[in-house]
Protein backbone atom coordinates (compact mmCIF):
# COMPACT_ATOMS: atom_id res chain seq x y z
CA UNK A 1 101.54 -120.49 51.14
CA UNK A 2 104.76 -122.56 50.66
CA UNK A 3 108.39 -122.60 51.68
CA UNK A 4 109.11 -119.58 49.44
CA UNK A 5 107.06 -117.54 51.86
CA UNK A 6 109.39 -118.32 54.76
CA UNK A 7 110.91 -115.21 56.32
CA UNK A 8 114.61 -115.55 56.92
CA UNK A 9 115.41 -112.28 58.68
CA UNK A 10 113.16 -111.91 61.69
CA UNK A 11 112.38 -108.22 61.99
CA UNK A 12 108.95 -109.32 61.84
CA UNK A 13 105.85 -107.28 62.50
CA UNK A 14 106.12 -105.00 59.47
CA UNK A 15 107.14 -107.84 57.17
CA UNK A 16 104.19 -110.00 58.19
CA UNK A 17 101.86 -107.01 57.81
CA UNK A 18 103.14 -106.36 54.26
CA UNK A 19 102.78 -109.99 53.21
CA UNK A 20 99.27 -110.34 54.57
CA UNK A 21 98.26 -107.04 53.02
CA UNK A 22 99.50 -108.30 49.64
CA UNK A 23 97.32 -111.40 49.96
CA UNK A 24 94.33 -109.11 50.41
CA UNK A 25 95.35 -106.59 47.73
CA UNK A 26 95.95 -109.36 45.18
CA UNK A 27 92.56 -110.94 45.81
CA UNK A 28 93.90 -114.14 47.35
CA UNK A 29 91.85 -113.18 50.41
CA UNK A 30 88.58 -111.46 49.49
CA UNK A 31 86.13 -109.31 51.50
CA UNK A 32 84.23 -111.56 53.90
CA UNK A 33 86.86 -114.32 53.85
CA UNK A 34 88.11 -115.53 57.21
CA UNK A 35 91.78 -114.83 57.87
CA UNK A 36 94.05 -117.77 58.74
CA UNK A 37 94.39 -118.23 62.48
CA UNK A 38 97.45 -116.98 64.34
CA UNK A 39 98.61 -120.58 64.73
CA UNK A 40 98.21 -121.26 61.00
CA UNK A 41 100.25 -118.17 60.14
CA UNK A 42 103.15 -118.97 62.45
CA UNK A 43 104.18 -122.06 60.47
CA UNK A 44 104.80 -120.76 56.92
CA UNK A 45 106.44 -117.58 58.23
CA UNK A 46 108.38 -119.26 61.05
CA UNK A 47 107.43 -116.62 63.58
CA UNK A 48 105.78 -116.54 66.98
CA UNK A 49 102.09 -115.89 67.58
CA UNK A 50 102.84 -112.52 69.18
CA UNK A 51 104.38 -111.24 65.95
CA UNK A 52 101.39 -112.47 63.92
CA UNK A 53 99.01 -110.86 66.44
CA UNK A 54 100.79 -107.50 66.08
CA UNK A 55 100.54 -107.71 62.28
CA UNK A 56 96.84 -108.59 62.45
CA UNK A 57 96.14 -105.67 64.77
CA UNK A 58 97.98 -103.35 62.37
CA UNK A 59 95.81 -104.65 59.50
CA UNK A 60 92.71 -103.94 61.60
CA UNK A 61 93.86 -100.40 62.40
CA UNK A 62 94.36 -99.74 58.70
CA UNK A 63 90.89 -101.08 57.88
CA UNK A 64 91.99 -104.18 55.97
CA UNK A 65 90.44 -106.69 58.36
CA UNK A 66 87.80 -106.78 61.07
CA UNK A 67 88.59 -108.40 64.42
CA UNK A 68 85.81 -109.49 66.80
CA UNK A 69 86.32 -110.93 70.26
CA UNK A 70 86.12 -114.71 70.17
CA UNK A 71 85.74 -114.94 66.39
CA UNK A 72 88.10 -115.41 63.45
CA UNK A 73 89.23 -112.13 61.85
CA UNK A 74 87.65 -111.46 58.46
CA UNK A 75 88.76 -109.44 55.46
CA UNK A 76 86.97 -106.09 55.42
CA UNK A 77 85.28 -104.65 52.35
CA UNK A 78 87.33 -101.79 50.89
CA UNK A 79 86.09 -98.29 51.67
CA UNK A 80 87.10 -94.76 50.76
CA UNK A 81 88.47 -94.43 54.30
CA UNK A 82 90.73 -97.46 53.73
CA UNK A 83 92.03 -95.90 50.52
CA UNK A 84 92.62 -92.61 52.33
CA UNK A 85 94.59 -94.34 55.09
CA UNK A 86 96.86 -96.05 52.57
CA UNK A 87 97.45 -92.83 50.65
CA UNK A 88 98.24 -90.95 53.82
CA UNK A 89 100.83 -93.51 54.93
CA UNK A 90 102.59 -93.32 51.57
CA UNK A 91 102.50 -89.54 51.27
CA UNK A 92 103.75 -89.04 54.84
CA UNK A 93 106.82 -91.06 53.89
CA UNK A 94 107.28 -89.01 50.71
CA UNK A 95 107.11 -85.72 52.62
CA UNK A 96 109.70 -86.98 55.10
CA UNK A 97 111.89 -88.10 52.22
CA UNK A 98 112.08 -84.82 50.33
CA UNK A 99 111.16 -81.15 50.97
CA UNK A 100 109.92 -80.98 47.38
CA UNK A 101 107.00 -83.24 48.29
CA UNK A 102 106.00 -80.90 51.10
CA UNK A 103 105.62 -78.13 48.50
CA UNK A 104 103.78 -80.45 46.10
CA UNK A 105 101.24 -81.53 48.70
CA UNK A 106 100.68 -77.99 49.95
CA UNK A 107 99.98 -76.92 46.37
CA UNK A 108 97.66 -79.90 45.88
CA UNK A 109 95.81 -78.99 49.08
CA UNK A 110 95.41 -75.42 47.85
CA UNK A 111 94.10 -76.58 44.48
CA UNK A 112 91.64 -79.02 46.07
CA UNK A 113 90.21 -76.55 48.61
CA UNK A 114 89.84 -73.84 45.97
CA UNK A 115 87.93 -76.28 43.77
CA UNK A 116 85.72 -77.38 46.66
CA UNK A 117 84.88 -73.75 47.48
CA UNK A 118 84.00 -73.11 43.84
CA UNK A 119 81.73 -76.15 43.77
CA UNK A 120 80.14 -75.09 47.06
CA UNK A 121 79.26 -71.71 45.54
CA UNK A 122 77.69 -73.41 42.55
CA UNK A 123 75.85 -76.20 44.39
CA UNK A 124 75.18 -75.26 48.02
CA UNK A 125 71.64 -75.33 49.36
CA UNK A 126 70.16 -72.70 51.65
CA UNK A 127 70.50 -75.04 54.63
CA UNK A 128 74.14 -75.79 53.83
CA UNK A 129 74.89 -72.07 53.68
CA UNK A 130 73.08 -71.53 56.97
CA UNK A 131 75.23 -74.24 58.53
CA UNK A 132 78.36 -72.37 57.44
CA UNK A 133 77.06 -69.17 59.01
CA UNK A 134 76.28 -71.06 62.23
CA UNK A 135 79.87 -72.29 62.33
CA UNK A 136 81.05 -68.69 61.88
CA UNK A 137 78.87 -67.65 64.81
CA UNK A 138 80.48 -70.32 66.95
CA UNK A 139 83.96 -69.31 65.84
CA UNK A 140 83.13 -65.69 66.71
CA UNK A 141 82.14 -66.75 70.22
CA UNK A 142 85.35 -68.69 70.96
CA UNK A 143 88.04 -66.35 69.64
CA UNK A 144 89.94 -66.61 72.93
CA UNK A 145 89.73 -70.42 73.17
CA UNK A 146 92.52 -71.99 71.10
CA UNK A 147 91.26 -75.57 71.32
CA UNK A 148 87.68 -74.76 70.34
CA UNK A 149 88.94 -72.52 67.54
CA UNK A 150 90.80 -75.47 66.03
CA UNK A 151 87.64 -77.53 66.25
CA UNK A 152 85.48 -74.89 64.56
CA UNK A 153 88.11 -74.33 61.87
CA UNK A 154 88.15 -78.05 61.04
CA UNK A 155 84.34 -78.14 61.05
CA UNK A 156 84.19 -75.13 58.73
CA UNK A 157 86.46 -76.57 56.05
CA UNK A 158 84.93 -80.03 56.33
CA UNK A 159 81.44 -78.55 55.85
CA UNK A 160 82.55 -76.89 52.61
CA UNK A 161 84.07 -80.16 51.37
CA UNK A 162 80.86 -81.98 52.28
CA UNK A 163 78.79 -79.77 49.99
CA UNK A 164 80.35 -81.66 47.08
CA UNK A 165 78.42 -84.80 48.17
CA UNK A 166 81.38 -86.72 46.76
CA UNK A 167 82.91 -89.13 49.30
CA UNK A 168 86.12 -89.43 47.29
CA UNK A 169 86.66 -85.66 47.32
CA UNK A 170 85.82 -85.49 51.02
CA UNK A 171 88.32 -88.28 51.78
CA UNK A 172 90.94 -86.58 49.60
CA UNK A 173 90.35 -83.32 51.47
CA UNK A 174 90.67 -85.03 54.86
CA UNK A 175 93.90 -86.70 53.78
CA UNK A 176 95.38 -83.43 52.51
CA UNK A 177 94.29 -81.63 55.68
CA UNK A 178 95.98 -84.18 57.93
CA UNK A 179 99.16 -84.16 55.84
CA UNK A 180 99.48 -80.38 55.73
CA UNK A 181 98.34 -79.52 59.28
CA UNK A 182 101.94 -79.62 60.58
CA UNK A 183 102.81 -76.79 58.19
CA UNK A 184 100.17 -74.34 59.42
CA UNK A 185 101.37 -71.09 60.92
CA UNK A 186 99.83 -69.02 63.67
CA UNK A 187 97.26 -66.52 62.38
CA UNK A 188 95.33 -63.96 64.39
CA UNK A 189 91.93 -65.64 64.92
CA UNK A 190 90.15 -62.40 64.01
CA UNK A 191 91.89 -62.40 60.63
CA UNK A 192 91.04 -66.07 60.15
CA UNK A 193 87.40 -65.34 60.98
CA UNK A 194 87.35 -62.48 58.47
CA UNK A 195 88.74 -64.84 55.81
CA UNK A 196 86.03 -67.39 56.58
CA UNK A 197 83.34 -64.72 56.40
CA UNK A 198 84.48 -63.71 52.91
CA UNK A 199 84.41 -67.34 51.74
CA UNK A 200 80.91 -67.95 53.10
CA UNK A 201 79.58 -64.66 51.74
CA UNK A 202 80.82 -65.63 48.27
CA UNK A 203 79.24 -69.09 48.60
CA UNK A 204 75.98 -67.50 49.76
CA UNK A 205 75.97 -65.16 46.74
CA UNK A 206 76.65 -68.16 44.47
CA UNK A 207 79.84 -66.43 43.35
CA UNK A 208 82.32 -69.23 42.51
CA UNK A 209 85.10 -66.88 41.36
CA UNK A 210 85.22 -64.99 44.65
CA UNK A 211 84.71 -68.14 46.69
CA UNK A 212 87.78 -69.63 45.03
CA UNK A 213 89.84 -66.43 45.30
CA UNK A 214 88.93 -65.91 48.97
CA UNK A 215 89.87 -69.51 49.75
CA UNK A 216 93.21 -69.07 48.01
CA UNK A 217 94.02 -65.92 49.99
CA UNK A 218 93.03 -67.64 53.20
CA UNK A 219 95.18 -70.71 52.61
CA UNK A 220 98.18 -68.70 51.46
CA UNK A 221 97.92 -66.83 54.73
CA UNK A 222 97.42 -69.98 56.81
CA UNK A 223 100.03 -72.32 55.35
CA UNK A 224 103.73 -71.92 54.68
CA UNK A 225 103.23 -71.75 50.93
CA UNK A 226 105.86 -70.15 48.67
CA UNK A 227 103.62 -67.34 47.42
CA UNK A 228 102.56 -63.85 48.42
CA UNK A 229 99.12 -62.95 49.62
CA UNK A 230 97.36 -60.38 47.48
CA UNK A 231 94.88 -58.51 49.66
C-alpha cells in the first residue's frame, strides 16, 4: 500500500470494504494469509479503527475473511457459498435498477428449476423419491399453518435441487430462490400441494418431460411471470 491508496472523501465503510476485497480478489492476499491489523490499515487509508472494523466485519459476513476472538483475521478459502453471496448482491442491485432484470431473473429461475426437475426424474434414487413424498406428507399435515408451509415448500424445492449432487447448481438455485421470493404471489396451499404431487409423481415414474412441464406450470402459477398457465 502507498500514498495512492489514501482515501480523500471519507464516506468510509463501503470504500474500505471494496478496497480490501480487491486485494483478496486480485490475489495480493491469499487464502490463509493474515489480514493487516486494524491499526495497520488506518494509516494508508487515513481512517479511524472503527471504520476499518466495520469493513472487516462486512468482509467476514460475505465470507471473504474469518475472524476469531483474540486472533488476527485470516483470508478465507473461496467457496460456492461465497460466490453465491457475491452474485446475489450484484443481482439485487440490478433488479432494483431496472424492471427488465426482474423479468430476466424470473425467467432464469424458471429455466433452472425446470432443468433441475428434469435431472431429478432422470437421476433420483428410491430414497430421494421417498424423501420427496415425506415432505409432501408434512405439507399435507400443515395446510393451515402458513409459517410451516413456507418451510416445507423451501425444503421441497431444495430437495429436488439436491438430487443433482452439483453444489454449483444448488447454490445457483438458492440464489435464484432468494432473489425471486419477493415476487411470489399467494396461492391456495391445496393447489400448491397438488402441483408438488404432480412433480414428485413424474420424478418417481422417471418421466423427465412431465417433471419439467409440471414444474413450469407450478412456477408460472406461483410467481408473477408474464405467461399464462396451461392446465
